[in-house]
Amino acid sequence: MIGDVLKPGLDVLFCGINPGLVSEATGHHFARPGNRFWPALHLSGFTPRLFAPAEQERLLELGLGITNVVARPSAKADELTIDEMKAGAAELTEKVARYSPRVLAVLGVTVYRAAFGRKKAQVGPQEETVGGVRVWLLPNPSGLNAHWQLPALAEEFGRLKASLQKPER
């Protein structure tokens, strides 16, 4: 099982769907070549340079963390069951309440809709909270998600980054 990159009071806790098989093998989040998480993080201004998955712990210094909705690794997210996603959502809610990041950024609209029962959720800020924390939906950065190319992903990550600069309401 791959561990969380997490500490209390982060600015953003990025939440993937579940670890892929390369991530499981390396112990690093978003480790599969072709995953656009690390490039999107950099291009949007969250990191000062492109980080490698092996540098994931350095995110904590920047007020960022990583977790997953479901801990079980799989080759593709569509291998997960709805029960696994719902159970993962309950665990994630408890984790978020305990660690209190400013924003929970869920990387995958489909998993968010299924896990939290929010069928009409779209990319961007959500009205609902999870564990009392603001939620922002981002596209899944997997290379398998061909609908979202890197420039558009970076732009969405950048919208989240810009929202952190604004005073909270």
Protein backbone atom coordinates (compact mmCIF):
# COMPACT_ATOMS: atom_id res chain seq x y z
CA MET A 1 0.00 0.00 0.00
CA ILE A 2 1.24 3.50 -0.86
CA GLY A 3 1.37 6.00 2.00
CA ASP A 4 -0.18 9.44 2.11
CA VAL A 5 1.90 12.60 1.79
CA LEU A 6 0.11 14.43 4.55
CA LYS A 7 0.42 16.67 7.60
CA PRO A 8 -2.03 18.97 9.39
CA GLY A 9 -2.91 22.38 7.98
CA LEU A 10 -1.90 22.00 4.33
CA ASP A 11 -3.09 24.52 1.75
CA VAL A 12 -4.18 21.78 -0.68
CA LEU A 13 -4.61 18.06 -0.25
CA PHE A 14 -4.64 16.54 -3.74
CA CYS A 15 -6.70 13.36 -3.82
CA GLY A 16 -6.20 10.84 -6.59
CA ILE A 17 -8.65 8.08 -7.43
CA ASN A 18 -6.40 5.17 -6.41
CA PRO A 19 -2.77 4.20 -6.95
CA GLY A 20 -1.80 2.70 -10.27
CA LEU A 21 0.42 -0.35 -10.50
CA VAL A 22 3.57 1.71 -11.15
CA SER A 23 2.82 3.81 -8.08
CA GLU A 24 2.37 0.66 -6.04
CA ALA A 25 5.69 -0.72 -7.30
CA THR A 26 7.64 2.50 -6.63
CA GLY A 27 5.80 3.75 -3.55
CA HIS A 28 5.32 7.14 -5.23
CA HIS A 29 2.07 8.83 -6.22
CA PHE A 30 1.39 9.54 -9.91
CA ALA A 31 4.51 7.57 -10.88
CA ARG A 32 3.40 6.15 -14.22
CA PRO A 33 5.19 7.76 -17.16
CA GLY A 34 2.60 9.77 -19.03
CA ASN A 35 0.72 10.87 -15.93
CA ARG A 36 0.39 14.63 -16.12
CA PHE A 37 0.02 15.38 -12.38
CA TRP A 38 3.61 16.52 -11.81
CA PRO A 39 3.83 18.64 -15.00
CA ALA A 40 0.42 20.25 -14.31
CA LEU A 41 1.48 21.01 -10.74
CA HIS A 42 4.57 22.78 -12.00
CA LEU A 43 3.03 24.59 -14.99
CA SER A 44 0.26 25.97 -12.75
CA GLY A 45 2.77 27.45 -10.30
CA PHE A 46 2.29 25.08 -7.38
CA THR A 47 5.93 23.93 -7.59
CA PRO A 48 8.99 26.00 -8.51
CA ARG A 49 10.21 23.29 -10.90
CA LEU A 50 9.07 19.95 -12.25
CA PHE A 51 9.25 17.45 -9.40
CA ALA A 52 9.78 13.73 -9.95
CA PRO A 53 7.40 11.34 -8.18
CA ALA A 54 10.30 10.29 -5.90
CA GLU A 55 10.32 13.88 -4.56
CA GLN A 56 6.71 13.72 -3.38
CA GLU A 57 7.61 14.43 0.28
CA ARG A 58 8.97 17.85 -0.79
CA LEU A 59 5.37 18.89 -1.45
CA LEU A 60 4.83 19.16 2.30
CA GLU A 61 7.31 22.08 2.41
CA LEU A 62 5.05 23.86 -0.11
CA GLY A 63 1.86 23.25 1.87
CA LEU A 64 0.69 20.47 -0.45
CA GLY A 65 -0.16 16.81 0.13
CA ILE A 66 -1.43 13.72 -1.65
CA THR A 67 -3.88 10.96 -0.76
CA ASN A 68 -6.35 8.75 -2.65
CA VAL A 69 -10.06 8.00 -2.48
CA VAL A 70 -9.34 4.26 -2.61
CA ALA A 71 -6.10 2.73 -1.31
CA ARG A 72 -6.22 -0.44 -3.44
CA PRO A 73 -3.95 -0.25 -6.49
CA SER A 74 -5.29 -1.22 -9.90
CA ALA A 75 -4.28 -0.96 -13.55
CA LYS A 76 -7.29 1.26 -14.29
CA ALA A 77 -9.68 3.21 -12.08
CA ASP A 78 -12.68 1.51 -13.70
CA GLU A 79 -11.66 -1.68 -11.88
CA LEU A 80 -12.89 -0.15 -8.60
CA THR A 81 -16.34 -0.99 -7.28
CA ILE A 82 -18.88 1.59 -6.19
CA ASP A 83 -18.72 0.10 -2.68
CA GLU A 84 -14.95 0.66 -2.58
CA MET A 85 -15.43 4.26 -3.71
CA LYS A 86 -18.13 4.96 -1.12
CA ALA A 87 -16.08 3.37 1.67
CA GLY A 88 -13.08 5.40 0.51
CA ALA A 89 -15.18 8.57 0.57
CA ALA A 90 -16.10 7.91 4.21
CA GLU A 91 -12.45 7.36 5.15
CA LEU A 92 -11.40 10.44 3.18
CA THR A 93 -14.01 12.56 4.97
CA GLU A 94 -12.58 11.50 8.34
CA LYS A 95 -9.01 12.12 7.17
CA VAL A 96 -9.83 15.59 5.85
CA ALA A 97 -11.66 16.52 9.07
CA ARG A 98 -8.65 15.36 11.10
CA TYR A 99 -5.92 17.08 9.03
CA SER A 100 -7.87 20.23 8.02
CA PRO A 101 -6.34 21.29 4.71
CA ARG A 102 -7.67 24.57 3.29
CA VAL A 103 -8.85 22.76 0.13
CA LEU A 104 -9.42 19.15 -0.88
CA ALA A 105 -8.65 18.89 -4.60
CA VAL A 106 -10.17 15.69 -5.98
CA LEU A 107 -8.50 14.57 -9.23
CA GLY A 108 -11.36 12.96 -11.07
CA VAL A 109 -14.93 14.12 -11.56
CA THR A 110 -16.30 10.61 -12.16
CA VAL A 111 -14.93 9.17 -8.92
CA TYR A 112 -16.16 12.18 -6.95
CA ARG A 113 -19.65 11.82 -8.41
CA ALA A 114 -19.73 8.09 -7.59
CA ALA A 115 -18.03 8.17 -4.20
CA PHE A 116 -19.91 11.15 -2.79
CA GLY A 117 -23.20 10.74 -4.66
CA ARG A 118 -22.91 14.13 -6.38
CA LYS A 119 -24.12 13.19 -9.85
CA LYS A 120 -23.99 16.69 -11.36
CA ALA A 121 -20.56 17.77 -10.06
CA GLN A 122 -18.34 19.53 -12.60
CA VAL A 123 -14.68 20.61 -12.66
CA GLY A 124 -14.05 23.59 -10.39
CA PRO A 125 -15.08 24.67 -6.89
CA GLN A 126 -17.96 22.78 -5.28
CA GLU A 127 -20.69 24.14 -3.04
CA GLU A 128 -20.51 21.09 -0.77
CA THR A 129 -17.68 20.47 1.67
CA VAL A 130 -16.00 17.21 2.68
CA GLY A 131 -15.06 16.92 6.33
CA GLY A 132 -15.83 20.63 6.69
CA VAL A 133 -13.27 21.50 4.00
CA ARG A 134 -13.78 23.27 0.69
CA VAL A 135 -13.69 20.93 -2.35
CA TRP A 136 -12.28 21.70 -5.80
CA LEU A 137 -12.65 19.16 -8.59
CA LEU A 138 -9.81 18.79 -11.06
CA PRO A 139 -9.64 16.52 -14.10
CA ASN A 140 -7.96 13.16 -13.69
CA PRO A 141 -4.32 13.70 -14.83
CA SER A 142 -3.87 10.11 -15.99
CA GLY A 143 -2.52 9.73 -19.49
CA LEU A 144 -5.59 7.55 -20.10
CA ASN A 145 -7.78 10.67 -19.77
CA ALA A 146 -7.17 11.90 -23.31
CA HIS A 147 -10.03 14.41 -23.13
CA TRP A 148 -7.83 16.70 -21.00
CA GLN A 149 -4.48 17.68 -22.49
CA LEU A 150 -1.66 19.12 -20.37
CA PRO A 151 -2.26 22.84 -21.15
CA ALA A 152 -5.92 22.56 -20.12
CA LEU A 153 -5.00 20.55 -17.00
CA ALA A 154 -2.42 23.17 -15.99
CA GLU A 155 -5.02 25.90 -16.53
CA GLU A 156 -7.47 24.15 -14.18
CA PHE A 157 -4.75 23.59 -11.57
CA GLY A 158 -3.91 27.29 -12.00
CA ARG A 159 -7.51 28.31 -11.25
CA LEU A 160 -7.25 26.45 -7.95
CA LYS A 161 -3.86 28.07 -7.23
CA ALA A 162 -5.28 31.54 -7.94
CA SER A 163 -8.24 30.89 -5.62
CA LEU A 164 -5.82 30.32 -2.74
CA GLN A 165 -4.53 33.89 -3.10
CA LYS A 166 -8.01 35.34 -2.57
CA PRO A 167 -9.29 35.97 0.96
CA GLU A 168 -11.63 33.25 2.24
CA ARG A 169 -15.28 34.22 2.54
